[in-house]
Each structure stands twice: as structure tokens, then as C-alpha cells.
Amino acid sequence: MTLKDQLQNIPNNPGVYFFYNKNKEILYIGKAKNLKKRTSSYFNKSKKSVKNSVIVSKSHSIDYLVVDNEVQALITEANMVKKHRPKYNICLKDDKTFPYIM
């Protein structure tokens, strides 16, 4: 199953998404208000950044975790990045910063 095929099964709910390489290692963790829209944006050719192009080219699968709201997505993403330390997440790795809502 290709990455674009996997996008068809992703819901429109808030949550956290994971890009995995072929060895099942997490490359990137992100949060989304709408998982389907956010993960689909990685395949939008007109707005691709260098980082996103690299993540997509090295990714073998996408997984997601649905949560109740955006705040839970923010907290879950921060905790997952600190726990798994993915290669392409440069923020939230140091265990000295904490996300907060104003």
C-alpha cells in the first residue's frame, strides 16, 4: 500500500500523525487539527518544503492517533517527540521546554 493510499483511511479528526521509514523507525511526529488535511498537505506539490520532501521520500508508512481536541494533540505530540526523538523533529527534544496554551 502506498502512502497516498494510506491517506484515504485517515479521519478528519484532531490528532497526532507519525511518518515511519521502511525499518519501522519514526521519522517525524506532527499534530493536526484535521489529520486528513494535514497529512495530505505533505503531498501537495505546490507547497512542498525541503524538509517535507525529504520526509515523504524516506517514509514508508503513515500512522495516526486520534484525540479529542487540539490541546490534547499538542500535549501528545510533545510527549511522543520527547519519548521517541524522531530524526526530523528538531523542536521539543530537549526536555527543557514545555508547550503551553495562552
N, C-alpha and C. Protein backbone atom coordinates (compact mmCIF):
# COMPACT_ATOMS: atom_id res chain seq x y z
N MET A 1 0.85 -1.18 0.00
CA MET A 1 0.00 0.00 0.00
C MET A 1 0.90 1.24 0.00
N THR A 2 0.64 2.18 -0.89
CA THR A 2 1.45 3.40 -0.98
C THR A 2 1.01 4.40 0.08
N LEU A 3 1.83 5.43 0.27
CA LEU A 3 1.50 6.47 1.24
C LEU A 3 0.19 7.17 0.86
N LYS A 4 0.01 7.46 -0.41
CA LYS A 4 -1.23 8.13 -0.84
C LYS A 4 -2.45 7.25 -0.61
N ASP A 5 -2.30 5.94 -0.74
CA ASP A 5 -3.40 5.03 -0.45
C ASP A 5 -3.73 5.05 1.05
N GLN A 6 -2.71 5.14 1.87
CA GLN A 6 -2.92 5.18 3.32
C GLN A 6 -3.66 6.44 3.75
N LEU A 7 -3.49 7.53 2.99
CA LEU A 7 -4.17 8.78 3.33
C LEU A 7 -5.69 8.65 3.25
N GLN A 8 -6.18 7.75 2.42
CA GLN A 8 -7.62 7.57 2.26
C GLN A 8 -8.29 7.11 3.56
N ASN A 9 -7.55 6.42 4.42
CA ASN A 9 -8.10 5.87 5.66
C ASN A 9 -7.98 6.81 6.85
N ILE A 10 -7.32 7.94 6.68
CA ILE A 10 -7.11 8.86 7.80
C ILE A 10 -8.35 9.71 8.02
N PRO A 11 -8.82 9.83 9.26
CA PRO A 11 -10.05 10.59 9.54
C PRO A 11 -9.81 12.10 9.58
N ASN A 12 -10.89 12.85 9.61
CA ASN A 12 -10.84 14.32 9.69
C ASN A 12 -10.86 14.82 11.13
N ASN A 13 -10.36 14.05 12.06
CA ASN A 13 -10.37 14.40 13.48
C ASN A 13 -9.04 15.01 13.90
N PRO A 14 -8.99 15.67 15.06
CA PRO A 14 -7.70 16.13 15.58
C PRO A 14 -6.87 14.95 16.06
N GLY A 15 -5.56 15.11 16.01
CA GLY A 15 -4.71 14.02 16.46
C GLY A 15 -3.25 14.23 16.17
N VAL A 16 -2.51 13.15 16.27
CA VAL A 16 -1.07 13.13 16.07
C VAL A 16 -0.77 12.11 14.97
N TYR A 17 0.14 12.47 14.06
CA TYR A 17 0.48 11.56 12.98
C TYR A 17 1.97 11.21 13.04
N PHE A 18 2.31 10.05 12.49
CA PHE A 18 3.66 9.52 12.53
C PHE A 18 4.07 9.08 11.13
N PHE A 19 5.24 9.52 10.68
CA PHE A 19 5.82 9.02 9.44
C PHE A 19 6.89 8.01 9.82
N TYR A 20 6.82 6.80 9.24
CA TYR A 20 7.76 5.72 9.52
C TYR A 20 8.61 5.41 8.29
N ASN A 21 9.86 5.00 8.51
CA ASN A 21 10.67 4.54 7.39
C ASN A 21 10.43 3.04 7.19
N LYS A 22 11.16 2.44 6.25
CA LYS A 22 10.93 1.01 5.94
C LYS A 22 11.32 0.09 7.08
N ASN A 23 12.14 0.58 8.03
CA ASN A 23 12.54 -0.22 9.20
C ASN A 23 11.63 -0.01 10.40
N LYS A 24 10.49 0.64 10.18
CA LYS A 24 9.50 0.93 11.23
C LYS A 24 10.03 1.90 12.29
N GLU A 25 11.01 2.73 11.94
CA GLU A 25 11.51 3.77 12.83
C GLU A 25 10.74 5.06 12.54
N ILE A 26 10.40 5.79 13.59
CA ILE A 26 9.65 7.03 13.41
C ILE A 26 10.60 8.10 12.88
N LEU A 27 10.21 8.69 11.73
CA LEU A 27 10.99 9.79 11.14
C LEU A 27 10.51 11.14 11.63
N TYR A 28 9.18 11.28 11.76
CA TYR A 28 8.61 12.58 12.10
C TYR A 28 7.28 12.37 12.82
N ILE A 29 7.03 13.21 13.80
CA ILE A 29 5.75 13.23 14.53
C ILE A 29 5.19 14.63 14.42
N GLY A 30 3.91 14.71 14.08
CA GLY A 30 3.26 16.02 13.98
C GLY A 30 1.86 15.98 14.58
N LYS A 31 1.31 17.17 14.80
CA LYS A 31 -0.04 17.28 15.34
C LYS A 31 -0.92 17.93 14.28
N ALA A 32 -2.22 17.74 14.41
CA ALA A 32 -3.13 18.32 13.43
C ALA A 32 -4.51 18.56 14.03
N LYS A 33 -5.10 19.65 13.60
CA LYS A 33 -6.50 19.93 13.93
C LYS A 33 -7.39 19.00 13.09
N ASN A 34 -6.94 18.73 11.86
CA ASN A 34 -7.63 17.84 10.95
C ASN A 34 -6.56 16.93 10.34
N LEU A 35 -6.50 15.68 10.78
CA LEU A 35 -5.45 14.75 10.35
C LEU A 35 -5.40 14.55 8.84
N LYS A 36 -6.54 14.39 8.21
CA LYS A 36 -6.58 14.13 6.78
C LYS A 36 -6.00 15.31 5.99
N LYS A 37 -6.43 16.53 6.33
CA LYS A 37 -5.93 17.72 5.62
C LYS A 37 -4.43 17.90 5.85
N ARG A 38 -3.99 17.73 7.07
CA ARG A 38 -2.58 17.97 7.39
C ARG A 38 -1.67 16.95 6.72
N THR A 39 -2.00 15.68 6.81
CA THR A 39 -1.14 14.67 6.19
C THR A 39 -1.18 14.78 4.66
N SER A 40 -2.32 15.14 4.10
CA SER A 40 -2.41 15.32 2.65
C SER A 40 -1.56 16.48 2.18
N SER A 41 -1.36 17.47 3.02
CA SER A 41 -0.57 18.65 2.63
C SER A 41 0.89 18.28 2.32
N TYR A 42 1.38 17.18 2.86
CA TYR A 42 2.75 16.75 2.57
C TYR A 42 2.91 16.33 1.11
N PHE A 43 1.80 16.01 0.45
CA PHE A 43 1.84 15.54 -0.93
C PHE A 43 1.39 16.61 -1.92
N ASN A 44 1.13 17.82 -1.43
CA ASN A 44 0.75 18.95 -2.27
C ASN A 44 2.02 19.50 -2.92
N LYS A 45 2.17 19.30 -4.20
CA LYS A 45 3.41 19.64 -4.90
C LYS A 45 3.70 21.14 -4.93
N SER A 46 2.69 21.98 -4.86
CA SER A 46 2.93 23.42 -4.96
C SER A 46 3.50 24.04 -3.68
N LYS A 47 3.36 23.39 -2.55
CA LYS A 47 3.80 23.97 -1.28
C LYS A 47 4.84 23.13 -0.55
N LYS A 48 5.56 22.26 -1.25
CA LYS A 48 6.50 21.37 -0.58
C LYS A 48 7.76 22.10 -0.15
N SER A 49 8.10 21.97 1.12
CA SER A 49 9.38 22.48 1.62
C SER A 49 10.43 21.38 1.47
N VAL A 50 11.68 21.73 1.63
CA VAL A 50 12.76 20.75 1.51
C VAL A 50 12.60 19.67 2.58
N LYS A 51 12.32 20.09 3.81
CA LYS A 51 12.15 19.12 4.90
C LYS A 51 11.01 18.15 4.60
N ASN A 52 9.88 18.67 4.14
CA ASN A 52 8.74 17.81 3.84
C ASN A 52 9.04 16.86 2.69
N SER A 53 9.77 17.33 1.69
CA SER A 53 10.15 16.47 0.57
C SER A 53 11.01 15.30 1.03
N VAL A 54 11.94 15.59 1.93
CA VAL A 54 12.82 14.54 2.45
C VAL A 54 12.03 13.54 3.29
N ILE A 55 11.15 14.05 4.14
CA ILE A 55 10.34 13.16 4.98
C ILE A 55 9.50 12.23 4.11
N VAL A 56 8.83 12.79 3.11
CA VAL A 56 7.98 11.97 2.24
C VAL A 56 8.81 10.96 1.45
N SER A 57 9.97 11.37 0.96
CA SER A 57 10.80 10.46 0.17
C SER A 57 11.34 9.28 1.00
N LYS A 58 11.58 9.50 2.28
CA LYS A 58 12.12 8.45 3.14
C LYS A 58 11.04 7.66 3.87
N SER A 59 9.80 8.11 3.78
CA SER A 59 8.71 7.46 4.51
C SER A 59 8.18 6.24 3.77
N HIS A 60 7.82 5.25 4.57
CA HIS A 60 7.27 4.01 4.03
C HIS A 60 5.81 3.84 4.46
N SER A 61 5.45 4.42 5.60
CA SER A 61 4.08 4.32 6.08
C SER A 61 3.73 5.50 6.98
N ILE A 62 2.43 5.71 7.13
CA ILE A 62 1.89 6.78 7.98
C ILE A 62 0.95 6.12 8.98
N ASP A 63 1.04 6.56 10.23
CA ASP A 63 0.11 6.09 11.25
C ASP A 63 -0.42 7.32 11.97
N TYR A 64 -1.46 7.18 12.73
CA TYR A 64 -2.05 8.32 13.42
C TYR A 64 -2.68 7.88 14.73
N LEU A 65 -2.90 8.87 15.59
CA LEU A 65 -3.54 8.66 16.87
C LEU A 65 -4.59 9.76 17.01
N VAL A 66 -5.85 9.40 17.08
CA VAL A 66 -6.94 10.37 17.19
C VAL A 66 -7.11 10.76 18.66
N VAL A 67 -7.26 12.07 18.91
CA VAL A 67 -7.51 12.59 20.25
C VAL A 67 -8.78 13.43 20.22
N ASP A 68 -9.21 13.91 21.39
CA ASP A 68 -10.48 14.63 21.48
C ASP A 68 -10.42 16.07 20.97
N ASN A 69 -9.28 16.74 21.14
CA ASN A 69 -9.20 18.15 20.76
C ASN A 69 -7.76 18.56 20.45
N GLU A 70 -7.59 19.81 20.03
CA GLU A 70 -6.28 20.33 19.65
C GLU A 70 -5.30 20.38 20.82
N VAL A 71 -5.80 20.68 22.00
CA VAL A 71 -4.93 20.76 23.17
C VAL A 71 -4.32 19.39 23.46
N GLN A 72 -5.13 18.36 23.41
CA GLN A 72 -4.60 17.00 23.62
C GLN A 72 -3.61 16.63 22.53
N ALA A 73 -3.86 17.08 21.30
CA ALA A 73 -2.93 16.80 20.21
C ALA A 73 -1.57 17.46 20.48
N LEU A 74 -1.59 18.69 20.95
CA LEU A 74 -0.35 19.42 21.27
C LEU A 74 0.44 18.71 22.37
N ILE A 75 -0.24 18.32 23.42
CA ILE A 75 0.42 17.66 24.54
C ILE A 75 0.93 16.27 24.13
N THR A 76 0.11 15.53 23.39
CA THR A 76 0.50 14.19 22.94
C THR A 76 1.71 14.27 22.02
N GLU A 77 1.71 15.23 21.09
CA GLU A 77 2.86 15.39 20.19
C GLU A 77 4.13 15.66 20.99
N ALA A 78 4.06 16.59 21.94
CA ALA A 78 5.23 16.94 22.75
C ALA A 78 5.76 15.72 23.50
N ASN A 79 4.87 14.96 24.10
CA ASN A 79 5.28 13.77 24.84
C ASN A 79 5.89 12.70 23.93
N MET A 80 5.29 12.50 22.76
CA MET A 80 5.80 11.49 21.82
C MET A 80 7.17 11.88 21.25
N VAL A 81 7.36 13.16 20.96
CA VAL A 81 8.65 13.61 20.44
C VAL A 81 9.74 13.41 21.49
N LYS A 82 9.43 13.74 22.73
CA LYS A 82 10.41 13.56 23.80
C LYS A 82 10.71 12.08 24.05
N LYS A 83 9.72 11.24 23.88
CA LYS A 83 9.90 9.80 24.12
C LYS A 83 10.66 9.12 22.98
N HIS A 84 10.27 9.41 21.72
CA HIS A 84 10.83 8.68 20.58
C HIS A 84 11.99 9.40 19.89
N ARG A 85 12.12 10.71 20.08
CA ARG A 85 13.20 11.51 19.48
C ARG A 85 13.39 11.25 17.98
N PRO A 86 12.36 11.53 17.17
CA PRO A 86 12.47 11.30 15.74
C PRO A 86 13.52 12.21 15.10
N LYS A 87 14.11 11.75 14.03
CA LYS A 87 15.21 12.46 13.37
C LYS A 87 14.81 13.84 12.87
N TYR A 88 13.62 14.00 12.33
CA TYR A 88 13.23 15.26 11.69
C TYR A 88 12.41 16.20 12.58
N ASN A 89 12.22 15.87 13.84
CA ASN A 89 11.62 16.81 14.80
C ASN A 89 12.76 17.52 15.51
N ILE A 90 12.92 18.80 15.24
CA ILE A 90 14.03 19.50 15.87
C ILE A 90 13.60 20.21 17.15
N CYS A 91 12.33 20.48 17.28
CA CYS A 91 11.82 21.14 18.48
C CYS A 91 11.31 20.08 19.47
N LEU A 92 11.23 20.46 20.71
CA LEU A 92 10.65 19.63 21.78
C LEU A 92 11.50 18.43 22.16
N LYS A 93 12.73 18.31 21.68
CA LYS A 93 13.56 17.17 22.01
C LYS A 93 14.35 17.35 23.30
N ASP A 94 14.52 18.57 23.76
CA ASP A 94 15.49 18.83 24.82
C ASP A 94 14.99 18.56 26.24
N ASP A 95 13.72 18.28 26.44
CA ASP A 95 13.14 18.03 27.78
C ASP A 95 13.21 19.25 28.70
N LYS A 96 13.56 20.41 28.16
CA LYS A 96 13.62 21.61 28.98
C LYS A 96 12.51 22.58 28.63
N THR A 97 11.84 22.36 27.53
CA THR A 97 10.76 23.24 27.12
C THR A 97 9.45 22.48 27.22
N PHE A 98 8.41 23.20 27.50
CA PHE A 98 7.09 22.61 27.61
C PHE A 98 6.10 23.42 26.80
N PRO A 99 5.22 22.77 26.05
CA PRO A 99 4.20 23.53 25.30
C PRO A 99 3.20 24.13 26.27
N TYR A 100 2.70 25.28 25.92
CA TYR A 100 1.68 25.91 26.75
C TYR A 100 0.66 26.62 25.89
N ILE A 101 -0.51 26.82 26.44
CA ILE A 101 -1.61 27.46 25.73
C ILE A 101 -1.84 28.82 26.39
N MET A 102 -1.91 29.84 25.58
CA MET A 102 -2.19 31.20 26.11
C MET A 102 -3.67 31.49 26.04
